[in-house]
PDB file of N, CA and C in Angstrom:
ATOM      1  N   MET A   1      98.635 102.421  79.818  1.00  0.00           N
ATOM      2  CA  MET A   1      99.209 101.151  79.418  1.00  0.00           C
ATOM      3  C   MET A   1      99.163 101.025  77.755  1.00  0.00           C
ATOM      4  N   THR A   2     100.351 100.706  77.410  1.00  0.00           N
ATOM      5  CA  THR A   2     100.457 100.594  75.775  1.00  0.00           C
ATOM      6  C   THR A   2      99.869  99.093  75.535  1.00  0.00           C
ATOM      7  N   ASN A   3      99.468  99.112  74.174  1.00  0.00           N
ATOM      8  CA  ASN A   3      99.021  97.914  73.473  1.00  0.00           C
ATOM      9  C   ASN A   3      99.955  96.796  73.765  1.00  0.00           C
ATOM     10  N   ASN A   4     101.372  97.033  73.520  1.00  0.00           N
ATOM     11  CA  ASN A   4     102.440  96.013  73.705  1.00  0.00           C
ATOM     12  C   ASN A   4     102.471  95.661  75.105  1.00  0.00           C
ATOM     13  N   TYR A   5     102.376  96.522  76.166  1.00  0.00           N
ATOM     14  CA  TYR A   5     102.290  96.064  77.434  1.00  0.00           C
ATOM     15  C   TYR A   5     101.146  95.089  77.742  1.00  0.00           C
ATOM     16  N   LEU A   6     100.006  95.400  77.348  1.00  0.00           N
ATOM     17  CA  LEU A   6      98.848  94.427  77.424  1.00  0.00           C
ATOM     18  C   LEU A   6      98.929  93.199  76.801  1.00  0.00           C
ATOM     19  N   ASN A   7      99.468  93.209  75.769  1.00  0.00           N
ATOM     20  CA  ASN A   7      99.846  91.932  74.966  1.00  0.00           C
ATOM     21  C   ASN A   7     100.720  91.022  75.671  1.00  0.00           C
ATOM     22  N   THR A   8     101.886  91.714  76.106  1.00  0.00           N
ATOM     23  CA  THR A   8     102.799  90.865  76.912  1.00  0.00           C
ATOM     24  C   THR A   8     102.160  90.299  78.141  1.00  0.00           C
ATOM     25  N   LEU A   9     101.230  91.096  78.886  1.00  0.00           N
ATOM     26  CA  LEU A   9     100.560  90.573  79.974  1.00  0.00           C
ATOM     27  C   LEU A   9      99.699  89.325  79.613  1.00  0.00           C
ATOM     28  N   LYS A  10      98.999  89.446  78.582  1.00  0.00           N
ATOM     29  CA  LYS A  10      98.132  88.460  78.096  1.00  0.00           C
ATOM     30  C   LYS A  10      98.815  87.106  77.684  1.00  0.00           C
ATOM     31  N   ARG A  11     100.096  87.379  77.097  1.00  0.00           N
ATOM     32  CA  ARG A  11     100.899  86.046  76.599  1.00  0.00           C
ATOM     33  C   ARG A  11     101.484  85.556  77.883  1.00  0.00           C
ATOM     34  N   MET A  12     101.932  86.274  78.867  1.00  0.00           N
ATOM     35  CA  MET A  12     102.384  85.775  80.218  1.00  0.00           C
ATOM     36  C   MET A  12     101.318  84.953  80.802  1.00  0.00           C
ATOM     37  N   ASN A  13     100.039  85.611  80.814  1.00  0.00           N
ATOM     38  CA  ASN A  13      98.989  84.925  81.595  1.00  0.00           C
ATOM     39  C   ASN A  13      98.822  83.370  80.923  1.00  0.00           C
ATOM     40  N   GLY A  14      98.797  83.525  79.605  1.00  0.00           N
ATOM     41  CA  GLY A  14      98.563  82.073  78.871  1.00  0.00           C
ATOM     42  C   GLY A  14      99.875  81.035  79.176  1.00  0.00           C
ATOM     43  N   LEU A  15     100.923  81.437  79.212  1.00  0.00           N
ATOM     44  CA  LEU A  15     101.879  80.632  79.363  1.00  0.00           C
ATOM     45  C   LEU A  15     102.078  80.016  80.925  1.00  0.00           C
ATOM     46  N   ILE A  16     101.605  81.000  81.803  1.00  0.00           N
ATOM     47  CA  ILE A  16     101.659  80.674  83.296  1.00  0.00           C
ATOM     48  C   ILE A  16     100.420  79.696  83.604  1.00  0.00           C
ATOM     49  N   ARG A  17      99.362  80.005  82.849  1.00  0.00           N
ATOM     50  CA  ARG A  17      98.110  79.095  83.092  1.00  0.00           C
ATOM     51  C   ARG A  17      98.446  77.721  82.533  1.00  0.00           C
ATOM     52  N   ARG A  18      99.194  77.581  81.468  1.00  0.00           N
ATOM     53  CA  ARG A  18      99.635  76.247  80.949  1.00  0.00           C
ATOM     54  C   ARG A  18     100.731  75.696  81.613  1.00  0.00           C
ATOM     55  N   GLN A  19     101.346  76.437  82.367  1.00  0.00           N
ATOM     56  CA  GLN A  19     102.566  75.997  83.238  1.00  0.00           C
ATOM     57  C   GLN A  19     103.651  75.676  82.181  1.00  0.00           C
ATOM     58  N   ALA A  20     103.806  76.560  81.016  1.00  0.00           N
ATOM     59  CA  ALA A  20     104.668  76.423  80.043  1.00  0.00           C
ATOM     60  C   ALA A  20     105.692  77.452  79.890  1.00  0.00           C
ATOM     61  N   THR A  21     106.182  78.039  80.962  1.00  0.00           N
ATOM     62  CA  THR A  21     107.062  79.171  80.902  1.00  0.00           C
ATOM     63  C   THR A  21     108.568  78.754  80.803  1.00  0.00           C
ATOM     64  N   GLY A  22     108.894  77.634  81.472  1.00  0.00           N
ATOM     65  CA  GLY A  22     110.118  77.356  81.495  1.00  0.00           C
ATOM     66  C   GLY A  22     110.957  78.140  82.636  1.00  0.00           C
ATOM     67  N   SER A  23     112.194  78.167  82.484  1.00  0.00           N
ATOM     68  CA  SER A  23     112.952  79.099  83.493  1.00  0.00           C
ATOM     69  C   SER A  23     112.737  80.571  83.007  1.00  0.00           C
ATOM     70  N   PRO A  24     113.102  81.380  84.097  1.00  0.00           N
ATOM     71  CA  PRO A  24     113.054  82.826  83.846  1.00  0.00           C
ATOM     72  C   PRO A  24     113.774  83.326  82.463  1.00  0.00           C
ATOM     73  N   LYS A  25     114.878  82.670  82.120  1.00  0.00           N
ATOM     74  CA  LYS A  25     115.597  82.941  80.963  1.00  0.00           C
ATOM     75  C   LYS A  25     114.768  82.557  79.698  1.00  0.00           C
ATOM     76  N   GLU A  26     114.185  81.377  79.769  1.00  0.00           N
ATOM     77  CA  GLU A  26     113.401  80.789  78.740  1.00  0.00           C
ATOM     78  C   GLU A  26     112.128  81.533  78.564  1.00  0.00           C
ATOM     79  N   PHE A  27     111.387  81.830  79.822  1.00  0.00           N
ATOM     80  CA  PHE A  27     110.127  82.643  79.692  1.00  0.00           C
ATOM     81  C   PHE A  27     110.480  84.038  79.031  1.00  0.00           C
ATOM     82  N   ALA A  28     111.582  84.774  79.433  1.00  0.00           N
ATOM     83  CA  ALA A  28     111.851  86.081  78.785  1.00  0.00           C
ATOM     84  C   ALA A  28     112.071  86.034  77.297  1.00  0.00           C
ATOM     85  N   ARG A  29     112.517  84.776  76.823  1.00  0.00           N
ATOM     86  CA  ARG A  29     112.916  84.565  75.425  1.00  0.00           C
ATOM     87  C   ARG A  29     111.617  84.368  74.788  1.00  0.00           C
ATOM     88  N   LYS A  30     110.726  83.642  75.449  1.00  0.00           N
ATOM     89  CA  LYS A  30     109.354  83.431  74.608  1.00  0.00           C
ATOM     90  C   LYS A  30     108.678  84.706  74.612  1.00  0.00           C
ATOM     91  N   LEU A  31     108.792  85.582  75.423  1.00  0.00           N
ATOM     92  CA  LEU A  31     108.017  86.810  75.428  1.00  0.00           C
ATOM     93  C   LEU A  31     108.852  87.979  74.600  1.00  0.00           C
ATOM     94  N   ASP A  32     110.076  87.580  74.217  1.00  0.00           N
ATOM     95  CA  ASP A  32     110.726  88.439  73.497  1.00  0.00           C
ATOM     96  C   ASP A  32     111.020  89.841  74.362  1.00  0.00           C
ATOM     97  N   ILE A  33     111.482  89.702  75.730  1.00  0.00           N
ATOM     98  CA  ILE A  33     111.757  90.711  76.516  1.00  0.00           C
ATOM     99  C   ILE A  33     113.047  90.242  77.271  1.00  0.00           C
ATOM    100  N   SER A  34     113.584  91.177  77.913  1.00  0.00           N
ATOM    101  CA  SER A  34     114.812  90.889  78.822  1.00  0.00           C
ATOM    102  C   SER A  34     114.475  90.221  79.990  1.00  0.00           C
ATOM    103  N   GLU A  35     115.402  89.496  80.682  1.00  0.00           N
ATOM    104  CA  GLU A  35     115.114  88.799  81.988  1.00  0.00           C
ATOM    105  C   GLU A  35     114.702  89.755  82.940  1.00  0.00           C
ATOM    106  N   SER A  36     115.383  90.886  83.027  1.00  0.00           N
ATOM    107  CA  SER A  36     115.047  91.901  83.956  1.00  0.00           C
ATOM    108  C   SER A  36     113.674  92.484  83.803  1.00  0.00           C
ATOM    109  N   SER A  37     113.337  92.587  82.640  1.00  0.00           N
ATOM    110  CA  SER A  37     111.894  93.150  82.320  1.00  0.00           C
ATOM    111  C   SER A  37     110.794  92.055  82.763  1.00  0.00           C
ATOM    112  N   LEU A  38     111.260  90.803  82.422  1.00  0.00           N
ATOM    113  CA  LEU A  38     110.387  89.658  83.002  1.00  0.00           C
ATOM    114  C   LEU A  38     110.117  89.915  84.613  1.00  0.00           C
ATOM    115  N   TYR A  39     111.034  90.038  85.301  1.00  0.00           N
ATOM    116  CA  TYR A  39     110.991  90.298  86.667  1.00  0.00           C
ATOM    117  C   TYR A  39     110.046  91.377  87.094  1.00  0.00           C
ATOM    118  N   ASN A  40     110.289  92.380  86.253  1.00  0.00           N
ATOM    119  CA  ASN A  40     109.437  93.632  86.635  1.00  0.00           C
ATOM    120  C   ASN A  40     107.776  93.236  86.292  1.00  0.00           C
ATOM    121  N   TYR A  41     107.643  92.651  85.167  1.00  0.00           N
ATOM    122  CA  TYR A  41     106.296  92.166  84.777  1.00  0.00           C
ATOM    123  C   TYR A  41     105.650  91.357  85.948  1.00  0.00           C
ATOM    124  N   ILE A  42     106.470  90.349  86.344  1.00  0.00           N
ATOM    125  CA  ILE A  42     106.033  89.404  87.375  1.00  0.00           C
ATOM    126  C   ILE A  42     105.617  90.335  88.772  1.00  0.00           C
ATOM    127  N   LYS A  43     106.643  91.248  89.107  1.00  0.00           N
ATOM    128  CA  LYS A  43     106.326  92.024  90.254  1.00  0.00           C
ATOM    129  C   LYS A  43     105.039  92.743  90.008  1.00  0.00           C
ATOM    130  N   LYS A  44     104.798  93.321  88.822  1.00  0.00           N
ATOM    131  CA  LYS A  44     103.511  94.053  88.627  1.00  0.00           C
ATOM    132  C   LYS A  44     102.289  93.094  88.666  1.00  0.00           C
ATOM    133  N   LEU A  45     102.317  91.922  88.109  1.00  0.00           N
ATOM    134  CA  LEU A  45     101.316  90.826  88.441  1.00  0.00           C
ATOM    135  C   LEU A  45     101.008  90.678  89.790  1.00  0.00           C
ATOM    136  N   ARG A  46     102.049  90.498  90.449  1.00  0.00           N
ATOM    137  CA  ARG A  46     101.856  90.164  91.925  1.00  0.00           C
ATOM    138  C   ARG A  46     101.274  91.327  92.679  1.00  0.00           C
ATOM    139  N   GLU A  47     101.836  92.478  92.447  1.00  0.00           N
ATOM    140  CA  GLU A  47     101.474  93.704  93.296  1.00  0.00           C
ATOM    141  C   GLU A  47     100.203  94.516  92.807  1.00  0.00           C
ATOM    142  N   ASP A  48     100.068  94.618  91.467  1.00  0.00           N
ATOM    143  CA  ASP A  48      99.021  95.451  90.971  1.00  0.00           C
ATOM    144  C   ASP A  48      97.833  94.668  90.688  1.00  0.00           C
ATOM    145  N   PHE A  49      97.999  93.399  90.400  1.00  0.00           N
ATOM    146  CA  PHE A  49      96.830  92.507  89.839  1.00  0.00           C
ATOM    147  C   PHE A  49      96.533  91.542  90.915  1.00  0.00           C
ATOM    148  N   ASN A  50      97.225  91.528  91.989  1.00  0.00           N
ATOM    149  CA  ASN A  50      97.241  90.407  93.142  1.00  0.00           C
ATOM    150  C   ASN A  50      97.244  89.009  92.427  1.00  0.00           C
ATOM    151  N   ALA A  51      97.991  88.792  91.459  1.00  0.00           N
ATOM    152  CA  ALA A  51      98.039  87.347  91.041  1.00  0.00           C
ATOM    153  C   ALA A  51      99.123  86.664  91.799  1.00  0.00           C
ATOM    154  N   PRO A  52      98.706  85.348  92.247  1.00  0.00           N
ATOM    155  CA  PRO A  52      99.456  84.646  93.117  1.00  0.00           C
ATOM    156  C   PRO A  52     100.493  83.787  92.290  1.00  0.00           C
ATOM    157  N   VAL A  53     101.405  84.517  91.608  1.00  0.00           N
ATOM    158  CA  VAL A  53     102.423  83.856  90.587  1.00  0.00           C
ATOM    159  C   VAL A  53     103.543  83.282  91.452  1.00  0.00           C
ATOM    160  N   ILE A  54     103.929  82.042  91.409  1.00  0.00           N
ATOM    161  CA  ILE A  54     104.982  81.437  92.019  1.00  0.00           C
ATOM    162  C   ILE A  54     105.818  80.719  90.957  1.00  0.00           C
ATOM    163  N   PHE A  55     107.029  80.380  91.240  1.00  0.00           N
ATOM    164  CA  PHE A  55     107.963  79.654  90.485  1.00  0.00           C
ATOM    165  C   PHE A  55     108.012  78.300  91.059  1.00  0.00           C
ATOM    166  N   ASP A  56     107.578  77.265  90.256  1.00  0.00           N
ATOM    167  CA  ASP A  56     107.615  75.765  90.788  1.00  0.00           C
ATOM    168  C   ASP A  56     108.945  75.315  90.383  1.00  0.00           C
ATOM    169  N   PHE A  57     109.891  75.055  91.237  1.00  0.00           N
ATOM    170  CA  PHE A  57     111.191  74.520  91.080  1.00  0.00           C
ATOM    171  C   PHE A  57     111.170  73.036  90.547  1.00  0.00           C
ATOM    172  N   HIS A  58     110.188  72.354  90.939  1.00  0.00           N
ATOM    173  CA  HIS A  58     110.115  70.987  90.588  1.00  0.00           C
ATOM    174  C   HIS A  58     109.675  70.794  89.054  1.00  0.00           C
ATOM    175  N   ARG A  59     108.798  71.594  88.642  1.00  0.00           N
ATOM    176  CA  ARG A  59     108.330  71.597  87.356  1.00  0.00           C
ATOM    177  C   ARG A  59     108.937  72.504  86.501  1.00  0.00           C
ATOM    178  N   GLU A  60     110.083  73.448  87.193  1.00  0.00           N
ATOM    179  CA  GLU A  60     110.786  74.563  86.297  1.00  0.00           C
ATOM    180  C   GLU A  60     109.829  75.436  85.349  1.00  0.00           C
ATOM    181  N   THR A  61     108.707  75.902  86.139  1.00  0.00           N
ATOM    182  CA  THR A  61     107.876  76.844  85.388  1.00  0.00           C
ATOM    183  C   THR A  61     107.074  77.778  86.382  1.00  0.00           C
ATOM    184  N   TYR A  62     106.713  78.969  85.837  1.00  0.00           N
ATOM    185  CA  TYR A  62     106.020  79.792  86.842  1.00  0.00           C
ATOM    186  C   TYR A  62     104.394  79.195  86.657  1.00  0.00           C
ATOM    187  N   ARG A  63     103.796  79.454  87.732  1.00  0.00           N
ATOM    188  CA  ARG A  63     102.468  78.955  87.817  1.00  0.00           C
ATOM    189  C   ARG A  63     101.578  79.809  88.778  1.00  0.00           C
ATOM    190  N   TYR A  64     100.224  79.844  88.599  1.00  0.00           N
ATOM    191  CA  TYR A  64      99.389  80.404  89.728  1.00  0.00           C
ATOM    192  C   TYR A  64      99.279  79.554  90.704  1.00  0.00           C
ATOM    193  N   GLU A  65      99.292  80.116  91.931  1.00  0.00           N
ATOM    194  CA  GLU A  65      99.318  79.362  93.196  1.00  0.00           C
ATOM    195  C   GLU A  65      97.834  78.795  93.391  1.00  0.00           C
ATOM    196  N   GLU A  66      96.981  79.431  92.788  1.00  0.00           N
ATOM    197  CA  GLU A  66      95.372  79.213  92.951  1.00  0.00           C
ATOM    198  C   GLU A  66      94.875  79.122  91.326  1.00  0.00           C
ATOM    199  N   HIS A  67      93.858  78.350  91.128  1.00  0.00           N
ATOM    200  CA  HIS A  67      93.305  78.365  89.858  1.00  0.00           C
ATOM    201  C   HIS A  67      92.611  79.684  89.617  1.00  0.00           C
ATOM    202  N   GLY A  68      93.075  80.146  88.473  1.00  0.00           N
ATOM    203  CA  GLY A  68      92.533  81.678  88.112  1.00  0.00           C
ATOM    204  C   GLY A  68      93.258  82.065  86.718  1.00  0.00           C
ATOM    205  N   SER A  69      92.839  83.255  86.544  1.00  0.00           N
ATOM    206  CA  SER A  69      93.306  83.746  85.240  1.00  0.00           C
ATOM    207  C   SER A  69      93.371  85.297  85.499  1.00  0.00           C
ATOM    208  N   LEU A  70      94.381  85.863  84.749  1.00  0.00           N
ATOM    209  CA  LEU A  70      94.293  87.378  84.594  1.00  0.00           C
ATOM    210  C   LEU A  70      93.294  87.893  83.504  1.00  0.00           C
ATOM    211  N   VAL A  71      92.326  88.791  84.114  1.00  0.00           N
ATOM    212  CA  VAL A  71      91.235  89.111  83.046  1.00  0.00           C
ATOM    213  C   VAL A  71      91.568  90.662  82.859  1.00  0.00           C
ATOM    214  N   ILE A  72      91.846  90.944  81.521  1.00  0.00           N
ATOM    215  CA  ILE A  72      92.083  92.348  81.186  1.00  0.00           C
ATOM    216  C   ILE A  72      91.118  92.658  80.077  1.00  0.00           C
ATOM    217  N   GLY A  73      90.304  93.606  80.233  1.00  0.00           N
ATOM    218  CA  GLY A  73      89.329  93.911  79.270  1.00  0.00           C
ATOM    219  C   GLY A  73      88.148  94.928  79.756  1.00  0.00           C
ATOM    220  N   PHE A  74      87.201  94.994  78.921  1.00  0.00           N
ATOM    221  CA  PHE A  74      86.014  95.929  79.358  1.00  0.00           C
ATOM    222  C   PHE A  74      84.833  94.996  79.901  1.00  0.00           C
ATOM    223  N   ARG A  75      84.347  95.422  81.006  1.00  0.00           N
ATOM    224  CA  ARG A  75      83.248  94.807  81.610  1.00  0.00           C
ATOM    225  C   ARG A  75      82.017  96.047  81.811  1.00  0.00           C
ATOM    226  N   LYS A  76      80.946  95.687  81.291  1.00  0.00           N
ATOM    227  CA  LYS A  76      79.802  96.698  81.456  1.00  0.00           C
ATOM    228  C   LYS A  76      79.424  96.608  82.891  1.00  0.00           C
ATOM    229  N   LEU A  77      79.202  97.758  83.457  1.00  0.00           N
ATOM    230  CA  LEU A  77      78.957  97.891  84.957  1.00  0.00           C
ATOM    231  C   LEU A  77      77.402  97.769  85.013  1.00  0.00           C
ATOM    232  N   THR A  78      76.914  97.258  86.175  1.00  0.00           N
ATOM    233  CA  THR A  78      75.517  97.240  86.450  1.00  0.00           C
ATOM    234  C   THR A  78      75.035  98.542  86.947  1.00  0.00           C
ATOM    235  N   THR A  79      73.880  98.822  86.937  1.00  0.00           N
ATOM    236  CA  THR A  79      73.331 100.195  87.421  1.00  0.00           C
ATOM    237  C   THR A  79      73.664 100.376  88.816  1.00  0.00           C
ATOM    238  N   GLU A  80      73.703  99.423  89.718  1.00  0.00           N
ATOM    239  CA  GLU A  80      73.951  99.527  91.005  1.00  0.00           C
ATOM    240  C   GLU A  80      75.510  99.856  91.225  1.00  0.00           C
ATOM    241  N   GLU A  81      76.350  99.272  90.452  1.00  0.00           N
ATOM    242  CA  GLU A  81      77.773  99.702  90.393  1.00  0.00           C
ATOM    243  C   GLU A  81      77.990 100.994  90.049  1.00  0.00           C
ATOM    244  N   VAL A  82      77.306 101.633  88.985  1.00  0.00           N
ATOM    245  CA  VAL A  82      77.358 102.790  88.476  1.00  0.00           C
ATOM    246  C   VAL A  82      77.011 103.860  89.707  1.00  0.00           C
ATOM    247  N   MET A  83      75.888 103.598  90.262  1.00  0.00           N
ATOM    248  CA  MET A  83      75.215 104.536  91.227  1.00  0.00           C
ATOM    249  C   MET A  83      76.093 104.717  92.551  1.00  0.00           C
ATOM    250  N   THR A  84      76.889 103.557  92.845  1.00  0.00           N
ATOM    251  CA  THR A  84      77.653 103.523  94.003  1.00  0.00           C
ATOM    252  C   THR A  84      79.128 104.022  93.711  1.00  0.00           C
ATOM    253  N   SER A  85      79.545 104.144  92.477  1.00  0.00           N
ATOM    254  CA  SER A  85      80.973 104.339  92.181  1.00  0.00           C
ATOM    255  C   SER A  85      81.087 105.935  92.477  1.00  0.00           C
ATOM    256  N   SER A  86      82.473 106.261  92.821  1.00  0.00           N
ATOM    257  CA  SER A  86      82.639 107.804  92.981  1.00  0.00           C
ATOM    258  C   SER A  86      83.161 108.159  91.573  1.00  0.00           C
ATOM    259  N   GLY A  87      82.747 109.402  91.091  1.00  0.00           N
ATOM    260  CA  GLY A  87      83.088 109.886  89.996  1.00  0.00           C
ATOM    261  C   GLY A  87      82.552 109.266  88.662  1.00  0.00           C
ATOM    262  N   GLY A  88      81.584 108.414  88.874  1.00  0.00           N
ATOM    263  CA  GLY A  88      80.760 107.959  87.613  1.00  0.00           C
ATOM    264  C   GLY A  88      79.517 108.817  87.348  1.00  0.00           C
ATOM    265  N   TYR A  89      79.084 108.730  86.166  1.00  0.00           N
ATOM    266  CA  TYR A  89      77.948 109.649  85.646  1.00  0.00           C
ATOM    267  C   TYR A  89      76.864 108.539  85.277  1.00  0.00           C
ATOM    268  N   TYR A  90      75.678 108.764  85.660  1.00  0.00           N
ATOM    269  CA  TYR A  90      74.647 107.852  85.256  1.00  0.00           C
ATOM    270  C   TYR A  90      73.398 108.802  84.982  1.00  0.00           C
ATOM    271  N   SER A  91      72.786 108.646  83.816  1.00  0.00           N
ATOM    272  CA  SER A  91      71.600 109.425  83.582  1.00  0.00           C
ATOM    273  C   SER A  91      70.406 108.583  83.735  1.00  0.00           C
ATOM    274  N   GLY A  92      70.509 107.270  83.080  1.00  0.00           N
ATOM    275  CA  GLY A  92      69.643 106.133  83.122  1.00  0.00           C
ATOM    276  C   GLY A  92      68.255 106.514  83.243  1.00  0.00           C
ATOM    277  N   GLY A  93      67.581 107.478  82.750  1.00  0.00           N
ATOM    278  CA  GLY A  93      66.150 107.948  82.723  1.00  0.00           C
ATOM    279  C   GLY A  93      65.758 108.651  84.198  1.00  0.00           C
ATOM    280  N   TYR A  94      66.904 108.922  84.986  1.00  0.00           N
ATOM    281  CA  TYR A  94      66.550 109.566  86.296  1.00  0.00           C
ATOM    282  C   TYR A  94      66.724 111.041  85.908  1.00  0.00           C
ATOM    283  N   ASN A  95      65.599 111.821  86.254  1.00  0.00           N
ATOM    284  CA  ASN A  95      65.643 113.089  86.023  1.00  0.00           C
ATOM    285  C   ASN A  95      65.890 113.967  87.354  1.00  0.00           C
ATOM    286  N   PHE A  96      66.926 114.457  87.663  1.00  0.00           N
ATOM    287  CA  PHE A  96      67.228 114.962  88.914  1.00  0.00           C
ATOM    288  C   PHE A  96      66.233 116.104  89.256  1.00  0.00           C
ATOM    289  N   PHE A  97      65.718 117.048  88.421  1.00  0.00           N
ATOM    290  CA  PHE A  97      64.874 118.152  88.805  1.00  0.00           C
ATOM    291  C   PHE A  97      63.592 117.568  89.030  1.00  0.00           C
ATOM    292  N   GLU A  98      63.070 116.654  88.482  1.00  0.00           N
ATOM    293  CA  GLU A  98      61.859 116.162  88.993  1.00  0.00           C
ATOM    294  C   GLU A  98      61.839 115.670  90.272  1.00  0.00           C
ATOM    295  N   ASN A  99      62.743 115.327  90.799  1.00  0.00           N
ATOM    296  CA  ASN A  99      62.705 114.600  92.218  1.00  0.00           C
ATOM    297  C   ASN A  99      63.205 115.611  93.418  1.00  0.00           C
ATOM    298  N   ILE A 100      63.222 116.966  92.986  1.00  0.00           N
ATOM    299  CA  ILE A 100      63.668 117.838  94.066  1.00  0.00           C
ATOM    300  C   ILE A 100      62.348 118.541  94.547  1.00  0.00           C
ATOM    301  N   SER A 101      62.019 118.411  95.702  1.00  0.00           N
ATOM    302  CA  SER A 101      60.876 119.059  96.348  1.00  0.00           C
ATOM    303  C   SER A 101      61.124 120.390  96.807  1.00  0.00           C
ATOM    304  N   THR A 102      62.395 120.558  97.337  1.00  0.00           N
ATOM    305  CA  THR A 102      62.711 122.014  97.701  1.00  0.00           C
ATOM    306  C   THR A 102      64.082 122.459  97.295  1.00  0.00           C
ATOM    307  N   LEU A 103      64.392 123.536  96.642  1.00  0.00           N
ATOM    308  CA  LEU A 103      65.644 123.880  96.254  1.00  0.00           C
ATOM    309  C   LEU A 103      66.266 125.009  97.321  1.00  0.00           C
ATOM    310  N   GLN A 104      67.178 124.733  97.857  1.00  0.00           N
ATOM    311  CA  GLN A 104      67.797 125.717  98.713  1.00  0.00           C
ATOM    312  C   GLN A 104      69.166 126.302  98.247  1.00  0.00           C
ATOM    313  N   ILE A 105      69.282 127.648  98.047  1.00  0.00           N
ATOM    314  CA  ILE A 105      70.421 128.299  97.513  1.00  0.00           C
ATOM    315  C   ILE A 105      70.998 128.924  98.823  1.00  0.00           C
ATOM    316  N   ILE A 106      72.349 128.461  99.046  1.00  0.00           N
ATOM    317  CA  ILE A 106      73.137 128.949 100.073  1.00  0.00           C
ATOM    318  C   ILE A 106      74.005 130.061  99.663  1.00  0.00           C
TER     319      ILE A 106
END
């Protein structure tokens, strides 16, 4: 993901949360993207981020169907999350070789 892509998502999130998007045409203009790109971004929000984005025809704005916000950033994992994740590496003071009672070579 490029920095521009992430910035656009953050700006979209802010406007959607404030219910200040306006029509799709206005929303695209506010983001300085084409209307077709806007629809692609909204599709990404819905499908990849599970964001409940809807268009409110009465208010003429996009909004989240539930209270919430898109969170994009870094979050430090707990030791438990690291230990249970696949592909993760954790040294955390654990010495693998000290805890082996029998080594079997096949």
